[in-house]
C-alpha atoms as a PDB file:
ATOM      1  CA  MET A   1     -34.042   6.132  11.389  1.00  0.00           C
ATOM      2  CA  SER A   2     -32.757   3.304   9.315  1.00  0.00           C
ATOM      3  CA  LYS A   3     -32.796   2.875   5.637  1.00  0.00           C
ATOM      4  CA  GLU A   4     -32.496  -0.410   3.656  1.00  0.00           C
ATOM      5  CA  ILE A   5     -29.954  -0.333   0.906  1.00  0.00           C
ATOM      6  CA  ASN A   6     -29.740  -3.203  -1.541  1.00  0.00           C
ATOM      7  CA  ALA A   7     -26.001  -3.370  -2.477  1.00  0.00           C
ATOM      8  CA  ARG A   8     -23.345  -5.805  -3.411  1.00  0.00           C
ATOM      9  CA  VAL A   9     -19.679  -5.504  -2.416  1.00  0.00           C
ATOM     10  CA  LEU A  10     -17.101  -6.458  -4.982  1.00  0.00           C
ATOM     11  CA  LEU A  11     -13.505  -7.178  -3.958  1.00  0.00           C
ATOM     12  CA  LYS A  12     -10.452  -6.848  -6.130  1.00  0.00           C
ATOM     13  CA  TYR A  13      -9.718 -10.372  -7.421  1.00  0.00           C
ATOM     14  CA  ASP A  14      -7.013 -11.371  -9.901  1.00  0.00           C
ATOM     15  CA  THR A  15      -4.157 -13.693 -10.724  1.00  0.00           C
ATOM     16  CA  ALA A  16      -0.733 -13.315  -9.094  1.00  0.00           C
ATOM     17  CA  GLU A  17       0.623 -12.637 -12.569  1.00  0.00           C
ATOM     18  CA  ASN A  18      -1.631  -9.639 -13.001  1.00  0.00           C
ATOM     19  CA  TRP A  19      -1.190  -8.427  -9.456  1.00  0.00           C
ATOM     20  CA  ALA A  20       2.587  -8.344 -10.099  1.00  0.00           C
ATOM     21  CA  LYS A  21       1.886  -5.603 -12.691  1.00  0.00           C
ATOM     22  CA  ALA A  22      -0.129  -3.524 -10.366  1.00  0.00           C
ATOM     23  CA  THR A  23       1.231  -0.077  -9.354  1.00  0.00           C
ATOM     24  CA  PHE A  24      -1.404   1.363  -7.013  1.00  0.00           C
ATOM     25  CA  THR A  25      -1.770   1.899  -3.270  1.00  0.00           C
ATOM     26  CA  PRO A  26      -4.818   0.146  -1.894  1.00  0.00           C
ATOM     27  CA  LYS A  27      -6.969   2.124   0.497  1.00  0.00           C
ATOM     28  CA  ARG A  28      -6.872   1.185   4.186  1.00  0.00           C
ATOM     29  CA  GLY A  29      -9.008  -1.955   4.737  1.00  0.00           C
ATOM     30  CA  GLU A  30      -9.272  -2.560   0.994  1.00  0.00           C
ATOM     31  CA  MET A  31      -9.044  -6.394   0.382  1.00  0.00           C
ATOM     32  CA  LEU A  32      -7.097  -7.747  -2.595  1.00  0.00           C
ATOM     33  CA  ILE A  33      -7.735 -11.422  -3.380  1.00  0.00           C
ATOM     34  CA  TYR A  34      -5.196 -13.558  -5.267  1.00  0.00           C
ATOM     35  CA  ALA A  35      -6.907 -16.274  -7.334  1.00  0.00           C
ATOM     36  CA  PRO A  36      -5.745 -19.877  -6.537  1.00  0.00           C
ATOM     37  CA  GLU A  37      -3.293 -21.325  -9.088  1.00  0.00           C
ATOM     38  CA  GLY A  38      -2.018 -24.908  -9.136  1.00  0.00           C
ATOM     39  CA  ASN A  39      -1.342 -25.960  -5.587  1.00  0.00           C
ATOM     40  CA  THR A  40      -1.411 -22.361  -4.278  1.00  0.00           C
ATOM     41  CA  PRO A  41      -4.484 -21.619  -2.279  1.00  0.00           C
ATOM     42  CA  VAL A  42      -6.453 -18.360  -2.305  1.00  0.00           C
ATOM     43  CA  ARG A  43      -4.327 -15.646  -0.725  1.00  0.00           C
ATOM     44  CA  TYR A  44      -5.237 -12.085   0.198  1.00  0.00           C
ATOM     45  CA  LYS A  45      -3.753  -8.724   1.270  1.00  0.00           C
ATOM     46  CA  ILE A  46      -5.379  -5.882   3.022  1.00  0.00           C
ATOM     47  CA  GLY A  47      -4.385  -2.305   2.107  1.00  0.00           C
ATOM     48  CA  ASP A  48      -3.052   0.056   4.716  1.00  0.00           C
ATOM     49  CA  GLY A  49      -3.529   3.217   2.691  1.00  0.00           C
ATOM     50  CA  THR A  50       0.217   3.911   2.287  1.00  0.00           C
ATOM     51  CA  THR A  51       1.874   0.780   0.960  1.00  0.00           C
ATOM     52  CA  LEU A  52       1.945  -0.250  -2.797  1.00  0.00           C
ATOM     53  CA  VAL A  53       0.095  -3.464  -3.484  1.00  0.00           C
ATOM     54  CA  ASN A  54       3.166  -5.495  -4.221  1.00  0.00           C
ATOM     55  CA  ASP A  55       4.890  -4.347  -1.058  1.00  0.00           C
ATOM     56  CA  LEU A  56       1.969  -5.408   1.229  1.00  0.00           C
ATOM     57  CA  PRO A  57       2.385  -8.749   3.047  1.00  0.00           C
ATOM     58  CA  PHE A  58      -0.166 -11.512   2.669  1.00  0.00           C
ATOM     59  CA  THR A  59      -2.384 -11.608   5.727  1.00  0.00           C
ATOM     60  CA  ILE A  60      -0.937 -15.023   6.558  1.00  0.00           C
ATOM     61  CA  ASP A  61       2.341 -13.194   7.254  1.00  0.00           C
ATOM     62  CA  LYS A  62       0.700 -10.640   9.636  1.00  0.00           C
ATOM     63  CA  SER A  63      -2.033 -10.506  12.164  1.00  0.00           C
ATOM     64  CA  ILE A  64      -5.196  -9.186  10.684  1.00  0.00           C
ATOM     65  CA  LYS A  65      -5.698  -7.002  13.776  1.00  0.00           C
ATOM     66  CA  ASP A  66      -2.604  -5.004  12.712  1.00  0.00           C
ATOM     67  CA  PHE A  67      -4.275  -4.014   9.401  1.00  0.00           C
ATOM     68  CA  PHE A  68      -7.134  -2.333  11.363  1.00  0.00           C
ATOM     69  CA  THR A  69      -5.228  -0.713  14.152  1.00  0.00           C
ATOM     70  CA  SER A  70      -4.692   2.932  13.575  1.00  0.00           C
ATOM     71  CA  LYS A  71      -1.069   4.051  12.914  1.00  0.00           C
ATOM     72  CA  ASP A  72      -1.794   6.985  15.227  1.00  0.00           C
ATOM     73  CA  GLU A  73      -2.615   4.780  18.219  1.00  0.00           C
END
């Protein structure tokens, strides 16, 4: 049985300046979007459930597959 759910997904979106003040650990798979500023394009990070937001690499620095591979595998 399927059920239709009307929903909207909101991602965390902010400036690099505001992200620098963040002190939380994003959940595994949680996407954090850095707003474009000047010549800097939109950048994003994906939480791994254990690393503080400012210690996470931008996805450009790491294969996106690595974010979704279980640490237990």
